Amino acid sequence: MRTAKKISQRDFANAVGMSQSWVRDIETKGKDAPIPEKYIAIIKEILNFR
């Protein structure tokens, strides 16, 4: 979804308040790197996901 919206990992990470490496790990490790609950609402808003 991030790439479809043409948002870079760096820009996405800045919007979430995390590092680019955190975004990379979430995208590459998937289920092995669960997203902390406190970031889910922020991520949904950034991606316009409801």
N, C-alpha and C. Protein backbone atom coordinates (compact mmCIF):
# COMPACT_ATOMS: atom_id res chain seq x y z
N MET A 1 0.82 -1.19 0.00
CA MET A 1 0.00 0.00 0.00
C MET A 1 0.87 1.26 0.00
N ARG A 2 1.96 1.20 0.72
CA ARG A 2 2.84 2.37 0.79
C ARG A 2 3.39 2.70 -0.59
N THR A 3 3.89 1.70 -1.29
CA THR A 3 4.48 1.96 -2.60
C THR A 3 3.41 2.36 -3.62
N ALA A 4 2.22 1.81 -3.50
CA ALA A 4 1.14 2.18 -4.42
C ALA A 4 0.79 3.66 -4.28
N LYS A 5 0.97 4.19 -3.08
CA LYS A 5 0.70 5.61 -2.83
C LYS A 5 1.94 6.48 -3.08
N LYS A 6 3.00 5.82 -3.56
CA LYS A 6 4.26 6.50 -3.90
C LYS A 6 4.84 7.27 -2.71
N ILE A 7 4.83 6.60 -1.55
CA ILE A 7 5.42 7.15 -0.34
C ILE A 7 6.72 6.39 -0.09
N SER A 8 7.82 7.10 0.05
CA SER A 8 9.09 6.43 0.32
C SER A 8 9.10 5.85 1.73
N GLN A 9 9.98 4.89 1.95
CA GLN A 9 10.12 4.35 3.30
C GLN A 9 10.50 5.45 4.27
N ARG A 10 11.39 6.33 3.85
CA ARG A 10 11.85 7.41 4.73
C ARG A 10 10.70 8.35 5.08
N ASP A 11 9.91 8.76 4.09
CA ASP A 11 8.77 9.65 4.36
C ASP A 11 7.73 8.96 5.23
N PHE A 12 7.48 7.69 4.95
CA PHE A 12 6.52 6.93 5.75
C PHE A 12 6.99 6.84 7.19
N ALA A 13 8.27 6.51 7.36
CA ALA A 13 8.84 6.39 8.71
C ALA A 13 8.74 7.72 9.46
N ASN A 14 9.05 8.81 8.78
CA ASN A 14 8.95 10.13 9.43
C ASN A 14 7.52 10.43 9.84
N ALA A 15 6.55 10.08 9.00
CA ALA A 15 5.14 10.33 9.32
C ALA A 15 4.67 9.50 10.51
N VAL A 16 5.19 8.28 10.62
CA VAL A 16 4.82 7.40 11.72
C VAL A 16 5.58 7.76 13.00
N GLY A 17 6.77 8.31 12.82
CA GLY A 17 7.60 8.63 13.97
C GLY A 17 8.60 7.54 14.29
N MET A 18 8.93 6.74 13.28
CA MET A 18 9.87 5.66 13.47
C MET A 18 11.00 5.80 12.45
N SER A 19 11.96 4.88 12.49
CA SER A 19 13.10 4.95 11.57
C SER A 19 12.78 4.24 10.26
N GLN A 20 13.55 4.58 9.23
CA GLN A 20 13.40 3.92 7.93
C GLN A 20 13.70 2.43 8.07
N SER A 21 14.67 2.08 8.90
CA SER A 21 15.01 0.66 9.08
C SER A 21 13.85 -0.10 9.72
N TRP A 22 13.06 0.55 10.57
CA TRP A 22 11.89 -0.08 11.17
C TRP A 22 10.88 -0.42 10.08
N VAL A 23 10.63 0.52 9.16
CA VAL A 23 9.71 0.27 8.06
C VAL A 23 10.23 -0.87 7.19
N ARG A 24 11.51 -0.84 6.88
CA ARG A 24 12.12 -1.92 6.09
C ARG A 24 11.90 -3.27 6.76
N ASP A 25 12.14 -3.34 8.06
CA ASP A 25 11.97 -4.60 8.78
C ASP A 25 10.53 -5.07 8.76
N ILE A 26 9.59 -4.16 8.94
CA ILE A 26 8.16 -4.53 8.90
C ILE A 26 7.82 -5.09 7.52
N GLU A 27 8.33 -4.44 6.49
CA GLU A 27 8.01 -4.87 5.13
C GLU A 27 8.70 -6.17 4.73
N THR A 28 9.88 -6.42 5.24
CA THR A 28 10.61 -7.63 4.83
C THR A 28 10.41 -8.81 5.77
N LYS A 29 10.23 -8.54 7.04
CA LYS A 29 10.08 -9.63 8.01
C LYS A 29 8.62 -9.99 8.26
N GLY A 30 7.70 -9.11 7.89
CA GLY A 30 6.28 -9.39 8.01
C GLY A 30 5.85 -9.79 9.41
N LYS A 31 5.34 -11.00 9.53
CA LYS A 31 4.79 -11.47 10.80
C LYS A 31 5.84 -11.61 11.89
N ASP A 32 7.11 -11.71 11.50
CA ASP A 32 8.18 -11.83 12.49
C ASP A 32 8.45 -10.50 13.20
N ALA A 33 7.91 -9.41 12.64
CA ALA A 33 8.10 -8.09 13.23
C ALA A 33 6.73 -7.42 13.36
N PRO A 34 5.94 -7.84 14.36
CA PRO A 34 4.60 -7.27 14.49
C PRO A 34 4.65 -5.76 14.74
N ILE A 35 3.63 -5.08 14.25
CA ILE A 35 3.55 -3.63 14.42
C ILE A 35 2.94 -3.34 15.79
N PRO A 36 3.63 -2.53 16.59
CA PRO A 36 3.07 -2.17 17.90
C PRO A 36 1.71 -1.49 17.75
N GLU A 37 0.81 -1.84 18.60
CA GLU A 37 -0.57 -1.34 18.57
C GLU A 37 -0.65 0.18 18.48
N LYS A 38 0.24 0.87 19.17
CA LYS A 38 0.15 2.34 19.20
C LYS A 38 0.42 2.98 17.84
N TYR A 39 1.00 2.24 16.89
CA TYR A 39 1.29 2.80 15.57
C TYR A 39 0.24 2.44 14.51
N ILE A 40 -0.62 1.49 14.82
CA ILE A 40 -1.58 1.02 13.82
C ILE A 40 -2.51 2.13 13.35
N ALA A 41 -3.07 2.91 14.25
CA ALA A 41 -3.99 4.00 13.86
C ALA A 41 -3.27 5.04 13.00
N ILE A 42 -2.03 5.35 13.34
CA ILE A 42 -1.25 6.32 12.57
C ILE A 42 -1.01 5.78 11.16
N ILE A 43 -0.64 4.52 11.06
CA ILE A 43 -0.36 3.92 9.76
C ILE A 43 -1.62 3.89 8.91
N LYS A 44 -2.74 3.52 9.50
CA LYS A 44 -4.01 3.50 8.75
C LYS A 44 -4.35 4.88 8.22
N GLU A 45 -4.12 5.90 9.01
CA GLU A 45 -4.41 7.27 8.58
C GLU A 45 -3.49 7.68 7.42
N ILE A 46 -2.22 7.39 7.53
CA ILE A 46 -1.27 7.75 6.48
C ILE A 46 -1.62 7.06 5.16
N LEU A 47 -2.01 5.78 5.24
CA LEU A 47 -2.32 5.02 4.04
C LEU A 47 -3.78 5.18 3.61
N ASN A 48 -4.54 5.95 4.41
CA ASN A 48 -5.96 6.15 4.11
C ASN A 48 -6.69 4.82 4.05
N PHE A 49 -6.40 3.97 5.02
CA PHE A 49 -6.95 2.62 5.11
C PHE A 49 -7.98 2.60 6.22
N ARG A 50 -9.15 2.09 5.89
CA ARG A 50 -10.22 2.07 6.90
C ARG A 50 -10.70 0.68 7.15
